[in-house]
C-alpha atoms as a PDB file:
ATOM      1  CA  MET A   1      12.642  -1.190  27.783  1.00  0.00           C
ATOM      2  CA  THR A   2      13.078  -0.571  24.050  1.00  0.00           C
ATOM      3  CA  ARG A   3      10.705   1.508  21.968  1.00  0.00           C
ATOM      4  CA  ALA A   4       9.461  -1.624  20.249  1.00  0.00           C
ATOM      5  CA  GLU A   5       8.678  -3.255  23.599  1.00  0.00           C
ATOM      6  CA  GLU A   6       6.880  -0.145  24.868  1.00  0.00           C
ATOM      7  CA  PHE A   7       4.854  -0.016  21.686  1.00  0.00           C
ATOM      8  CA  GLU A   8       3.878  -3.690  21.859  1.00  0.00           C
ATOM      9  CA  ASN A   9       2.711  -3.230  25.449  1.00  0.00           C
ATOM     10  CA  LEU A  10       0.419  -0.428  24.308  1.00  0.00           C
ATOM     11  CA  ARG A  11      -0.706  -2.019  21.036  1.00  0.00           C
ATOM     12  CA  PRO A  12      -3.952  -3.492  22.512  1.00  0.00           C
ATOM     13  CA  LEU A  13      -4.978  -0.052  23.789  1.00  0.00           C
ATOM     14  CA  LEU A  14      -4.115   1.646  20.496  1.00  0.00           C
ATOM     15  CA  PHE A  15      -6.065  -0.910  18.464  1.00  0.00           C
ATOM     16  CA  SER A  16      -9.074  -0.653  20.772  1.00  0.00           C
ATOM     17  CA  ILE A  17      -9.146   3.140  20.458  1.00  0.00           C
ATOM     18  CA  ALA A  18      -8.819   2.993  16.665  1.00  0.00           C
ATOM     19  CA  TYR A  19     -11.454   0.264  16.277  1.00  0.00           C
ATOM     20  CA  ARG A  20     -14.045   2.219  18.254  1.00  0.00           C
ATOM     21  CA  LEU A  21     -13.336   5.306  16.189  1.00  0.00           C
ATOM     22  CA  LEU A  22     -13.340   3.549  12.815  1.00  0.00           C
ATOM     23  CA  GLY A  23     -15.578   0.496  13.196  1.00  0.00           C
ATOM     24  CA  SER A  24     -13.136  -1.422  11.018  1.00  0.00           C
ATOM     25  CA  VAL A  25     -10.591  -4.025  12.076  1.00  0.00           C
ATOM     26  CA  ALA A  26      -8.468  -3.550   8.952  1.00  0.00           C
ATOM     27  CA  GLU A  27      -8.443   0.253   9.196  1.00  0.00           C
ATOM     28  CA  ALA A  28      -7.695   0.099  12.922  1.00  0.00           C
ATOM     29  CA  GLU A  29      -4.732  -2.211  12.310  1.00  0.00           C
ATOM     30  CA  ASP A  30      -3.457   0.141   9.588  1.00  0.00           C
ATOM     31  CA  ALA A  31      -3.788   3.107  11.961  1.00  0.00           C
ATOM     32  CA  VAL A  32      -1.801   1.259  14.629  1.00  0.00           C
ATOM     33  CA  GLN A  33       0.917   0.374  12.124  1.00  0.00           C
ATOM     34  CA  GLU A  34       1.152   3.991  10.952  1.00  0.00           C
ATOM     35  CA  THR A  35       1.393   5.049  14.610  1.00  0.00           C
ATOM     36  CA  TRP A  36       4.400   2.771  15.053  1.00  0.00           C
ATOM     37  CA  LEU A  37       6.118   4.224  11.983  1.00  0.00           C
ATOM     38  CA  ARG A  38       5.691   7.740  13.321  1.00  0.00           C
ATOM     39  CA  TYR A  39       6.854   6.741  16.790  1.00  0.00           C
ATOM     40  CA  GLU A  40       9.886   4.958  15.392  1.00  0.00           C
ATOM     41  CA  SER A  41      10.914   8.047  13.441  1.00  0.00           C
ATOM     42  CA  THR A  42      10.417  10.487  16.342  1.00  0.00           C
ATOM     43  CA  PRO A  43      13.885  11.814  17.277  1.00  0.00           C
ATOM     44  CA  THR A  44      13.156  12.410  20.971  1.00  0.00           C
ATOM     45  CA  GLN A  45      11.529  10.129  23.528  1.00  0.00           C
ATOM     46  CA  PRO A  46       8.097  11.463  24.579  1.00  0.00           C
ATOM     47  CA  THR A  47       7.538  12.256  28.257  1.00  0.00           C
ATOM     48  CA  SER A  48       4.551   9.887  28.259  1.00  0.00           C
ATOM     49  CA  THR A  49       4.661   7.147  25.638  1.00  0.00           C
ATOM     50  CA  LYS A  50       1.027   6.232  26.276  1.00  0.00           C
ATOM     51  CA  ALA A  51      -0.187   9.816  25.818  1.00  0.00           C
ATOM     52  CA  PHE A  52       1.951  10.316  22.706  1.00  0.00           C
ATOM     53  CA  LEU A  53       0.889   7.085  20.980  1.00  0.00           C
ATOM     54  CA  SER A  54      -2.772   7.533  21.921  1.00  0.00           C
ATOM     55  CA  ALA A  55      -2.712  11.019  20.436  1.00  0.00           C
ATOM     56  CA  VAL A  56      -1.076   9.805  17.228  1.00  0.00           C
ATOM     57  CA  VAL A  57      -3.465   6.897  16.683  1.00  0.00           C
ATOM     58  CA  THR A  58      -6.437   9.167  17.458  1.00  0.00           C
ATOM     59  CA  ARG A  59      -5.404  11.812  14.922  1.00  0.00           C
ATOM     60  CA  ILE A  60      -4.725   9.194  12.256  1.00  0.00           C
ATOM     61  CA  SER A  61      -8.117   7.624  12.938  1.00  0.00           C
ATOM     62  CA  ILE A  62      -9.898  10.995  12.738  1.00  0.00           C
ATOM     63  CA  ASP A  63      -8.369  11.590   9.288  1.00  0.00           C
ATOM     64  CA  VAL A  64      -9.429   8.113   8.127  1.00  0.00           C
ATOM     65  CA  LEU A  65     -12.893   8.578   9.614  1.00  0.00           C
ATOM     66  CA  ARG A  66     -13.452  11.812   7.707  1.00  0.00           C
ATOM     67  CA  SER A  67     -12.629  10.164   4.385  1.00  0.00           C
ATOM     68  CA  ALA A  68     -14.571   7.000   5.294  1.00  0.00           C
ATOM     69  CA  ARG A  69     -17.795   8.945   5.700  1.00  0.00           C
ATOM     70  CA  VAL A  70     -17.875   9.618   1.960  1.00  0.00           C
ATOM     71  CA  ARG A  71     -17.518   5.889   1.209  1.00  0.00           C
ATOM     72  CA  ARG A  72     -20.238   4.982   3.682  1.00  0.00           C
ATOM     73  CA  GLU A  73     -22.688   7.377   2.070  1.00  0.00           C
ATOM     74  CA  THR A  74     -22.495   5.317  -1.144  1.00  0.00           C
ATOM     75  CA  TYR A  75     -22.428   1.929   0.623  1.00  0.00           C
ATOM     76  CA  VAL A  76     -24.914  -0.631  -0.718  1.00  0.00           C
ATOM     77  CA  GLY A  77     -27.501  -1.431   1.954  1.00  0.00           C
ATOM     78  CA  PRO A  78     -27.112  -0.975   5.715  1.00  0.00           C
ATOM     79  CA  TRP A  79     -23.563  -0.341   6.954  1.00  0.00           C
ATOM     80  CA  PHE A  80     -22.433  -2.189  10.097  1.00  0.00           C
ATOM     81  CA  PRO A  81     -19.031  -2.129  11.793  1.00  0.00           C
ATOM     82  CA  GLU A  82     -16.735  -5.073  11.118  1.00  0.00           C
ATOM     83  CA  PRO A  83     -17.417  -7.814  13.679  1.00  0.00           C
ATOM     84  CA  LEU A  84     -14.846  -8.170  16.455  1.00  0.00           C
ATOM     85  CA  LEU A  85     -14.674 -11.454  18.342  1.00  0.00           C
ATOM     86  CA  THR A  86     -12.295 -10.356  21.112  1.00  0.00           C
ATOM     87  CA  ASP A  87     -11.182  -6.967  22.347  1.00  0.00           C
ATOM     88  CA  PRO A  88      -7.403  -7.190  22.935  1.00  0.00           C
ATOM     89  CA  TYR A  89      -7.497  -4.455  25.587  1.00  0.00           C
ATOM     90  CA  SER A  90      -8.822  -5.072  29.085  1.00  0.00           C
ATOM     91  CA  ASP A  91      -9.042  -2.786  32.100  1.00  0.00           C
ATOM     92  CA  PRO A  92     -10.995  -4.147  35.092  1.00  0.00           C
ATOM     93  CA  ALA A  93     -11.624  -0.617  36.348  1.00  0.00           C
ATOM     94  CA  ARG A  94     -13.396   0.310  33.105  1.00  0.00           C
ATOM     95  CA  SER A  95     -14.784  -3.052  32.039  1.00  0.00           C
ATOM     96  CA  ALA A  96     -18.395  -1.799  31.889  1.00  0.00           C
ATOM     97  CA  GLU A  97     -17.543   1.178  29.663  1.00  0.00           C
ATOM     98  CA  LEU A  98     -15.319  -0.936  27.430  1.00  0.00           C
ATOM     99  CA  ALA A  99     -17.954  -3.644  26.958  1.00  0.00           C
ATOM    100  CA  ASP A 100     -20.768  -1.171  26.341  1.00  0.00           C
ATOM    101  CA  SER A 101     -18.781   0.789  23.765  1.00  0.00           C
ATOM    102  CA  LEU A 102     -17.947  -2.361  21.813  1.00  0.00           C
ATOM    103  CA  SER A 103     -21.520  -3.400  20.966  1.00  0.00           C
ATOM    104  CA  MET A 104     -22.791  -2.969  17.402  1.00  0.00           C
ATOM    105  CA  ALA A 105     -25.533  -0.664  18.663  1.00  0.00           C
ATOM    106  CA  ALA A 106     -23.069   1.634  20.439  1.00  0.00           C
ATOM    107  CA  LEU A 107     -20.691   1.715  17.463  1.00  0.00           C
ATOM    108  CA  LEU A 108     -23.577   2.613  15.150  1.00  0.00           C
ATOM    109  CA  LEU A 109     -24.599   5.345  17.571  1.00  0.00           C
ATOM    110  CA  LEU A 110     -21.050   6.706  17.529  1.00  0.00           C
ATOM    111  CA  GLU A 111     -21.412   7.018  13.750  1.00  0.00           C
ATOM    112  CA  ARG A 112     -23.874   9.868  14.339  1.00  0.00           C
ATOM    113  CA  LEU A 113     -21.248  11.975  16.094  1.00  0.00           C
ATOM    114  CA  SER A 114     -18.768  14.259  14.387  1.00  0.00           C
ATOM    115  CA  PRO A 115     -15.226  12.852  14.214  1.00  0.00           C
ATOM    116  CA  LEU A 116     -14.054  15.161  17.023  1.00  0.00           C
ATOM    117  CA  GLU A 117     -17.058  14.373  19.245  1.00  0.00           C
ATOM    118  CA  ARG A 118     -16.481  10.700  18.659  1.00  0.00           C
ATOM    119  CA  ALA A 119     -12.789  10.928  19.527  1.00  0.00           C
ATOM    120  CA  VAL A 120     -13.425  12.935  22.705  1.00  0.00           C
ATOM    121  CA  PHE A 121     -16.158  10.535  23.838  1.00  0.00           C
ATOM    122  CA  VAL A 122     -14.039   7.439  23.189  1.00  0.00           C
ATOM    123  CA  LEU A 123     -10.941   8.807  24.930  1.00  0.00           C
ATOM    124  CA  ARG A 124     -12.712  10.459  27.851  1.00  0.00           C
ATOM    125  CA  ASP A 125     -15.777   8.318  28.592  1.00  0.00           C
ATOM    126  CA  VAL A 126     -14.623   4.919  27.379  1.00  0.00           C
ATOM    127  CA  PHE A 127     -10.905   4.873  28.187  1.00  0.00           C
ATOM    128  CA  GLY A 128     -10.891   7.386  31.031  1.00  0.00           C
ATOM    129  CA  PHE A 129      -8.331   9.863  29.658  1.00  0.00           C
ATOM    130  CA  ASN A 130      -8.350  13.198  31.496  1.00  0.00           C
ATOM    131  CA  PHE A 131      -9.257  16.372  29.619  1.00  0.00           C
ATOM    132  CA  ALA A 132      -5.634  17.502  29.277  1.00  0.00           C
ATOM    133  CA  GLU A 133      -4.706  14.208  27.581  1.00  0.00           C
ATOM    134  CA  THR A 134      -7.847  14.286  25.451  1.00  0.00           C
ATOM    135  CA  ALA A 135      -7.224  17.878  24.363  1.00  0.00           C
ATOM    136  CA  SER A 136      -3.665  17.019  23.378  1.00  0.00           C
ATOM    137  CA  ALA A 137      -4.840  14.007  21.390  1.00  0.00           C
ATOM    138  CA  VAL A 138      -7.467  15.842  19.323  1.00  0.00           C
ATOM    139  CA  GLY A 139      -5.611  19.157  19.035  1.00  0.00           C
ATOM    140  CA  ARG A 140      -8.249  21.292  20.778  1.00  0.00           C
ATOM    141  CA  SER A 141      -8.339  23.240  24.039  1.00  0.00           C
ATOM    142  CA  GLU A 142      -9.595  21.631  27.229  1.00  0.00           C
ATOM    143  CA  ALA A 143     -12.602  23.978  27.201  1.00  0.00           C
ATOM    144  CA  ALA A 144     -13.476  22.937  23.659  1.00  0.00           C
ATOM    145  CA  CYS A 145     -13.121  19.276  24.619  1.00  0.00           C
ATOM    146  CA  ARG A 146     -15.481  19.734  27.552  1.00  0.00           C
ATOM    147  CA  GLN A 147     -18.100  21.147  25.170  1.00  0.00           C
ATOM    148  CA  LEU A 148     -17.511  18.319  22.699  1.00  0.00           C
ATOM    149  CA  ALA A 149     -17.868  15.794  25.538  1.00  0.00           C
ATOM    150  CA  VAL A 150     -21.194  17.300  26.670  1.00  0.00           C
ATOM    151  CA  ARG A 151     -22.616  17.186  23.138  1.00  0.00           C
ATOM    152  CA  ALA A 152     -21.360  13.644  22.562  1.00  0.00           C
ATOM    153  CA  ARG A 153     -22.795  12.353  25.832  1.00  0.00           C
ATOM    154  CA  ARG A 154     -26.152  13.970  25.098  1.00  0.00           C
ATOM    155  CA  HIS A 155     -26.349  12.316  21.680  1.00  0.00           C
ATOM    156  CA  MET A 156     -25.242   8.963  23.077  1.00  0.00           C
ATOM    157  CA  ASP A 157     -27.679   9.102  26.006  1.00  0.00           C
ATOM    158  CA  GLU A 158     -30.584  10.056  23.750  1.00  0.00           C
ATOM    159  CA  GLY A 159     -30.069   7.109  21.421  1.00  0.00           C
ATOM    160  CA  ARG A 160     -28.332   4.560  23.623  1.00  0.00           C
ATOM    161  CA  PRO A 161     -30.280   1.295  23.735  1.00  0.00           C
ATOM    162  CA  ARG A 162     -30.518  -0.499  27.067  1.00  0.00           C
ATOM    163  CA  PHE A 163     -29.447  -4.142  26.946  1.00  0.00           C
ATOM    164  CA  GLU A 164     -29.416  -6.972  29.429  1.00  0.00           C
ATOM    165  CA  ALA A 165     -26.617  -6.399  31.923  1.00  0.00           C
ATOM    166  CA  ASP A 166     -26.458  -9.913  33.326  1.00  0.00           C
ATOM    167  CA  ARG A 167     -24.039 -11.910  31.188  1.00  0.00           C
ATOM    168  CA  HIS A 168     -25.332 -15.302  32.390  1.00  0.00           C
ATOM    169  CA  GLU A 169     -28.937 -14.438  31.488  1.00  0.00           C
ATOM    170  CA  ARG A 170     -27.872 -13.251  28.035  1.00  0.00           C
ATOM    171  CA  GLU A 171     -25.917 -16.440  27.402  1.00  0.00           C
ATOM    172  CA  GLN A 172     -28.864 -18.597  28.497  1.00  0.00           C
ATOM    173  CA  LEU A 173     -31.275 -16.716  26.239  1.00  0.00           C
ATOM    174  CA  ALA A 174     -28.861 -16.960  23.315  1.00  0.00           C
ATOM    175  CA  ALA A 175     -28.423 -20.729  23.839  1.00  0.00           C
ATOM    176  CA  ARG A 176     -32.203 -21.268  23.858  1.00  0.00           C
ATOM    177  CA  PHE A 177     -32.529 -19.112  20.744  1.00  0.00           C
ATOM    178  CA  PHE A 178     -29.867 -20.916  18.700  1.00  0.00           C
ATOM    179  CA  ASN A 179     -31.212 -24.332  19.739  1.00  0.00           C
ATOM    180  CA  ALA A 180     -34.715 -23.365  18.609  1.00  0.00           C
ATOM    181  CA  VAL A 181     -33.362 -21.934  15.338  1.00  0.00           C
ATOM    182  CA  ARG A 182     -31.446 -25.125  14.537  1.00  0.00           C
ATOM    183  CA  ASP A 183     -34.519 -27.242  15.281  1.00  0.00           C
ATOM    184  CA  GLY A 184     -36.751 -25.103  13.069  1.00  0.00           C
ATOM    185  CA  ASP A 185     -39.004 -24.482  16.076  1.00  0.00           C
ATOM    186  CA  VAL A 186     -40.994 -21.445  14.936  1.00  0.00           C
ATOM    187  CA  ASP A 187     -42.961 -21.149  18.186  1.00  0.00           C
ATOM    188  CA  GLY A 188     -39.837 -21.648  20.269  1.00  0.00           C
ATOM    189  CA  VAL A 189     -38.025 -18.885  18.375  1.00  0.00           C
ATOM    190  CA  ARG A 190     -40.990 -16.521  18.450  1.00  0.00           C
ATOM    191  CA  GLU A 191     -41.393 -16.662  22.241  1.00  0.00           C
ATOM    192  CA  LEU A 192     -37.798 -15.459  22.654  1.00  0.00           C
ATOM    193  CA  LEU A 193     -38.270 -12.426  20.402  1.00  0.00           C
ATOM    194  CA  ALA A 194     -39.568  -8.975  21.292  1.00  0.00           C
ATOM    195  CA  ALA A 195     -42.822  -8.129  19.508  1.00  0.00           C
ATOM    196  CA  ASP A 196     -41.062  -5.385  17.487  1.00  0.00           C
ATOM    197  CA  VAL A 197     -37.830  -7.320  16.886  1.00  0.00           C
ATOM    198  CA  GLN A 198     -35.780  -6.324  13.854  1.00  0.00           C
ATOM    199  CA  MET A 199     -33.477  -8.511  11.770  1.00  0.00           C
ATOM    200  CA  VAL A 200     -31.144  -6.636   9.446  1.00  0.00           C
ATOM    201  CA  GLY A 201     -28.206  -7.704   7.316  1.00  0.00           C
ATOM    202  CA  ASP A 202     -25.098  -6.114   5.829  1.00  0.00           C
ATOM    203  CA  GLY A 203     -23.978  -7.763   2.595  1.00  0.00           C
ATOM    204  CA  GLY A 204     -22.414  -4.624   1.153  1.00  0.00           C
ATOM    205  CA  GLY A 205     -23.712  -5.604  -2.282  1.00  0.00           C
ATOM    206  CA  LYS A 206     -21.053  -8.336  -2.379  1.00  0.00           C
ATOM    207  CA  ALA A 207     -22.988 -11.133  -0.679  1.00  0.00           C
ATOM    208  CA  PRO A 208     -26.645 -11.985  -0.143  1.00  0.00           C
ATOM    209  CA  ALA A 209     -27.813 -10.380   3.089  1.00  0.00           C
ATOM    210  CA  LEU A 210     -29.247 -12.909   5.500  1.00  0.00           C
ATOM    211  CA  ALA A 211     -32.143 -10.552   6.142  1.00  0.00           C
ATOM    212  CA  LYS A 212     -33.326  -7.461   4.325  1.00  0.00           C
ATOM    213  CA  GLY A 213     -35.104  -5.619   7.105  1.00  0.00           C
ATOM    214  CA  VAL A 214     -37.479  -8.238   8.514  1.00  0.00           C
ATOM    215  CA  THR A 215     -39.518  -6.951  11.461  1.00  0.00           C
ATOM    216  CA  GLY A 216     -41.961  -8.439  13.945  1.00  0.00           C
ATOM    217  CA  ALA A 217     -41.661 -11.614  16.017  1.00  0.00           C
ATOM    218  CA  ALA A 218     -43.792 -13.798  13.746  1.00  0.00           C
ATOM    219  CA  ASN A 219     -41.970 -12.785  10.554  1.00  0.00           C
ATOM    220  CA  VAL A 220     -38.470 -13.062  12.019  1.00  0.00           C
ATOM    221  CA  ALA A 221     -39.220 -16.428  13.630  1.00  0.00           C
ATOM    222  CA  ARG A 222     -40.582 -17.817  10.386  1.00  0.00           C
ATOM    223  CA  VAL A 223     -37.569 -16.671   8.350  1.00  0.00           C
ATOM    224  CA  LEU A 224     -35.031 -18.022  10.828  1.00  0.00           C
ATOM    225  CA  ALA A 225     -36.800 -21.322  11.435  1.00  0.00           C
ATOM    226  CA  THR A 226     -37.098 -21.830   7.692  1.00  0.00           C
ATOM    227  CA  ILE A 227     -33.499 -21.060   6.741  1.00  0.00           C
ATOM    228  CA  PHE A 228     -31.293 -22.570   9.432  1.00  0.00           C
ATOM    229  CA  PRO A 229     -32.561 -26.170   9.510  1.00  0.00           C
ATOM    230  CA  VAL A 230     -31.925 -26.299   5.757  1.00  0.00           C
ATOM    231  CA  LEU A 231     -28.413 -24.929   6.255  1.00  0.00           C
ATOM    232  CA  THR A 232     -27.618 -27.900   8.486  1.00  0.00           C
ATOM    233  CA  LYS A 233     -28.670 -30.198   5.629  1.00  0.00           C
ATOM    234  CA  ILE A 234     -25.939 -28.712   3.451  1.00  0.00           C
ATOM    235  CA  ASP A 235     -23.443 -29.122   6.321  1.00  0.00           C
ATOM    236  CA  ALA A 236     -23.294 -25.440   7.270  1.00  0.00           C
ATOM    237  CA  ILE A 237     -22.518 -24.869  10.956  1.00  0.00           C
ATOM    238  CA  LEU A 238     -23.954 -22.206  13.251  1.00  0.00           C
ATOM    239  CA  GLU A 239     -21.235 -21.744  15.861  1.00  0.00           C
ATOM    240  CA  PRO A 240     -22.275 -19.710  18.938  1.00  0.00           C
ATOM    241  CA  HIS A 241     -19.647 -17.084  19.690  1.00  0.00           C
ATOM    242  CA  GLU A 242     -19.527 -13.725  21.432  1.00  0.00           C
ATOM    243  CA  VAL A 243     -19.382 -10.951  18.824  1.00  0.00           C
ATOM    244  CA  ASN A 244     -18.643  -7.357  19.820  1.00  0.00           C
ATOM    245  CA  GLY A 245     -19.201  -8.233  23.453  1.00  0.00           C
ATOM    246  CA  GLN A 246     -22.729  -9.518  22.758  1.00  0.00           C
ATOM    247  CA  PRO A 247     -24.077 -13.061  22.315  1.00  0.00           C
ATOM    248  CA  GLY A 248     -23.828 -14.088  18.696  1.00  0.00           C
ATOM    249  CA  ALA A 249     -22.686 -16.753  16.280  1.00  0.00           C
ATOM    250  CA  ILE A 250     -20.529 -17.451  13.255  1.00  0.00           C
ATOM    251  CA  LEU A 251     -22.076 -19.227  10.278  1.00  0.00           C
ATOM    252  CA  ARG A 252     -19.575 -21.471   8.481  1.00  0.00           C
ATOM    253  CA  ASP A 253     -19.901 -23.533   5.328  1.00  0.00           C
ATOM    254  CA  ARG A 254     -19.007 -27.224   5.202  1.00  0.00           C
ATOM    255  CA  ASP A 255     -15.325 -26.337   4.755  1.00  0.00           C
ATOM    256  CA  GLY A 256     -15.296 -24.187   7.872  1.00  0.00           C
ATOM    257  CA  LYS A 257     -15.147 -20.920   5.920  1.00  0.00           C
ATOM    258  CA  VAL A 258     -16.941 -17.908   7.390  1.00  0.00           C
ATOM    259  CA  ALA A 259     -20.208 -17.041   5.661  1.00  0.00           C
ATOM    260  CA  SER A 260     -21.724 -14.629   8.164  1.00  0.00           C
ATOM    261  CA  THR A 261     -21.749 -13.406  11.747  1.00  0.00           C
ATOM    262  CA  LEU A 262     -24.812 -12.742  13.874  1.00  0.00           C
ATOM    263  CA  THR A 263     -25.197 -10.589  16.975  1.00  0.00           C
ATOM    264  CA  LEU A 264     -28.160 -10.578  19.348  1.00  0.00           C
ATOM    265  CA  GLU A 265     -29.227  -7.480  21.274  1.00  0.00           C
ATOM    266  CA  MET A 266     -31.497  -8.230  24.233  1.00  0.00           C
ATOM    267  CA  LEU A 267     -33.727  -6.423  26.703  1.00  0.00           C
ATOM    268  CA  GLY A 268     -36.313  -7.649  29.182  1.00  0.00           C
ATOM    269  CA  GLY A 269     -35.563 -11.290  28.510  1.00  0.00           C
ATOM    270  CA  ARG A 270     -36.313 -10.925  24.798  1.00  0.00           C
ATOM    271  CA  ILE A 271     -34.197 -10.446  21.686  1.00  0.00           C
ATOM    272  CA  GLN A 272     -34.648  -6.920  20.323  1.00  0.00           C
ATOM    273  CA  THR A 273     -32.351  -6.860  17.287  1.00  0.00           C
ATOM    274  CA  ILE A 274     -30.522  -9.462  15.195  1.00  0.00           C
ATOM    275  CA  ARG A 275     -27.696  -8.148  13.024  1.00  0.00           C
ATOM    276  CA  ALA A 276     -26.103 -10.313  10.354  1.00  0.00           C
ATOM    277  CA  ILE A 277     -22.914  -9.413   8.480  1.00  0.00           C
ATOM    278  CA  SER A 278     -22.110 -11.328   5.309  1.00  0.00           C
ATOM    279  CA  SER A 279     -20.017  -8.772   3.402  1.00  0.00           C
ATOM    280  CA  PRO A 280     -16.792 -10.664   2.572  1.00  0.00           C
ATOM    281  CA  ASP A 281     -14.734  -7.497   3.073  1.00  0.00           C
ATOM    282  CA  LYS A 282     -15.840  -7.356   6.695  1.00  0.00           C
ATOM    283  CA  LEU A 283     -15.266 -11.048   7.414  1.00  0.00           C
ATOM    284  CA  ALA A 284     -11.762 -11.507   5.970  1.00  0.00           C
ATOM    285  CA  HIS A 285      -9.996 -10.893   9.290  1.00  0.00           C
ATOM    286  CA  LEU A 286     -11.880 -13.864  10.797  1.00  0.00           C
ATOM    287  CA  GLY A 287     -10.319 -16.396   8.414  1.00  0.00           C
ATOM    288  CA  PRO A 288     -11.084 -17.834   4.967  1.00  0.00           C
ATOM    289  CA  VAL A 289     -14.404 -16.460   3.701  1.00  0.00           C
ATOM    290  CA  ALA A 290     -17.084 -18.653   2.137  1.00  0.00           C
ATOM    291  CA  ASP A 291     -18.538 -18.081  -1.323  1.00  0.00           C
ATOM    292  CA  ALA A 292     -21.817 -16.663  -0.056  1.00  0.00           C
ATOM    293  CA  TRP A 293     -23.498 -16.744  -3.461  1.00  0.00           C
ATOM    294  CA  ALA A 294     -22.659 -20.427  -3.938  1.00  0.00           C
ATOM    295  CA  LEU A 295     -23.949 -21.129  -0.429  1.00  0.00           C
ATOM    296  CA  GLN A 296     -27.162 -19.262  -1.257  1.00  0.00           C
ATOM    297  CA  ARG A 297     -27.657 -21.310  -4.437  1.00  0.00           C
ATOM    298  CA  GLU A 298     -27.072 -24.546  -2.539  1.00  0.00           C
ATOM    299  CA  LEU A 299     -29.503 -23.410   0.140  1.00  0.00           C
ATOM    300  CA  ASN A 300     -32.186 -22.617  -2.442  1.00  0.00           C
ATOM    301  CA  GLN A 301     -31.689 -25.995  -4.093  1.00  0.00           C
ATOM    302  CA  ALA A 302     -31.964 -27.785  -0.736  1.00  0.00           C
ATOM    303  CA  ARG A 303     -35.175 -25.891   0.095  1.00  0.00           C
ATOM    304  CA  ARG A 304     -36.734 -26.935  -3.215  1.00  0.00           C
ATOM    305  CA  THR A 305     -35.899 -30.594  -2.676  1.00  0.00           C
END
C-alpha cells in the first residue's frame, strides 16, 4: 500500500479528531492537509502510520486552537462550532462516545478545557487511544496525560448535559416539532418545549441571528410559530436533517441556498435547547450560502403584508 493510500484510509479519523479539537470544518480540513504534507516529506516510514498521523494532526490542531482562542474572544455574539452533517469516521465499538462528542453541547463544553486537556480527552476518551499513544501525540509524559485526563473528565462530567439516548424517540419528537413550527401551531410547539427552553443563534455579526437569546416555552413557541409559516410564504424550505449527531434542520431560501442550520437538544421528551447558526462563514462548507440580510428583509415585508 502506498503512503497516499494509507493516508486516505486514515483521513476520516484524522478529520474527526481535528474537528472535535477545533470545532471548525475548514480548520480541520486544513489541519488534515498539513498533516499529509508533513507525512509526505517524512524520510522514513513510521512504525505505526495511524499513531504518527494522529500525533501530527493533534499537534497541528493544538497550535491552531491556541491562536483561535484569541479570535473567539472578540467574536460578535455567541460562538458555536461549525455545523457538521455527517461524521466521516465510524467505529461500532465506540459509537456512543463518538456520537456524544459530536453534539454542539459537548463541543461547547470542550471549549472550556485547555488545549492539552481537550486533546487528551478527545484521543483517550472519545477515540480510545491508550496513554502511550496519547502521550506521544501531545508531547507529554504518560503520568502528565493521566492527570490531564482526570481534570478533563471532571470538567466534562460537571457540565455535560444529559440528552435523550433513544434515537427513534428523538426523531419522532423532532418531526412533531418541525410540523408544528411549519403550521404556526403555537400551542403544539409549546407542549414540546421544556419550561426553561433556550433558543440561541450565532450570526457572527455577518447575518441576522435567528434568535437572540429567547428563553421560556411560551416565548420560544411564539417566536418560532410566528417566523416559520411566513418563511414558507417566501418559498423558504425547512429541511429536517441530522446536525452534529442531533435532530435538526437546514433552512434554505427559494434557490436552495443555505440560510441557517438548527439543532435540537432534548431531555425527558422535551426540547431543552435550540441552536441556530446563520453565520455565512460557518455554512460555506454546506453549499452555496443565502443572502441572509435579503432573506430577512423579504421576511419582514411578508410579515407586514
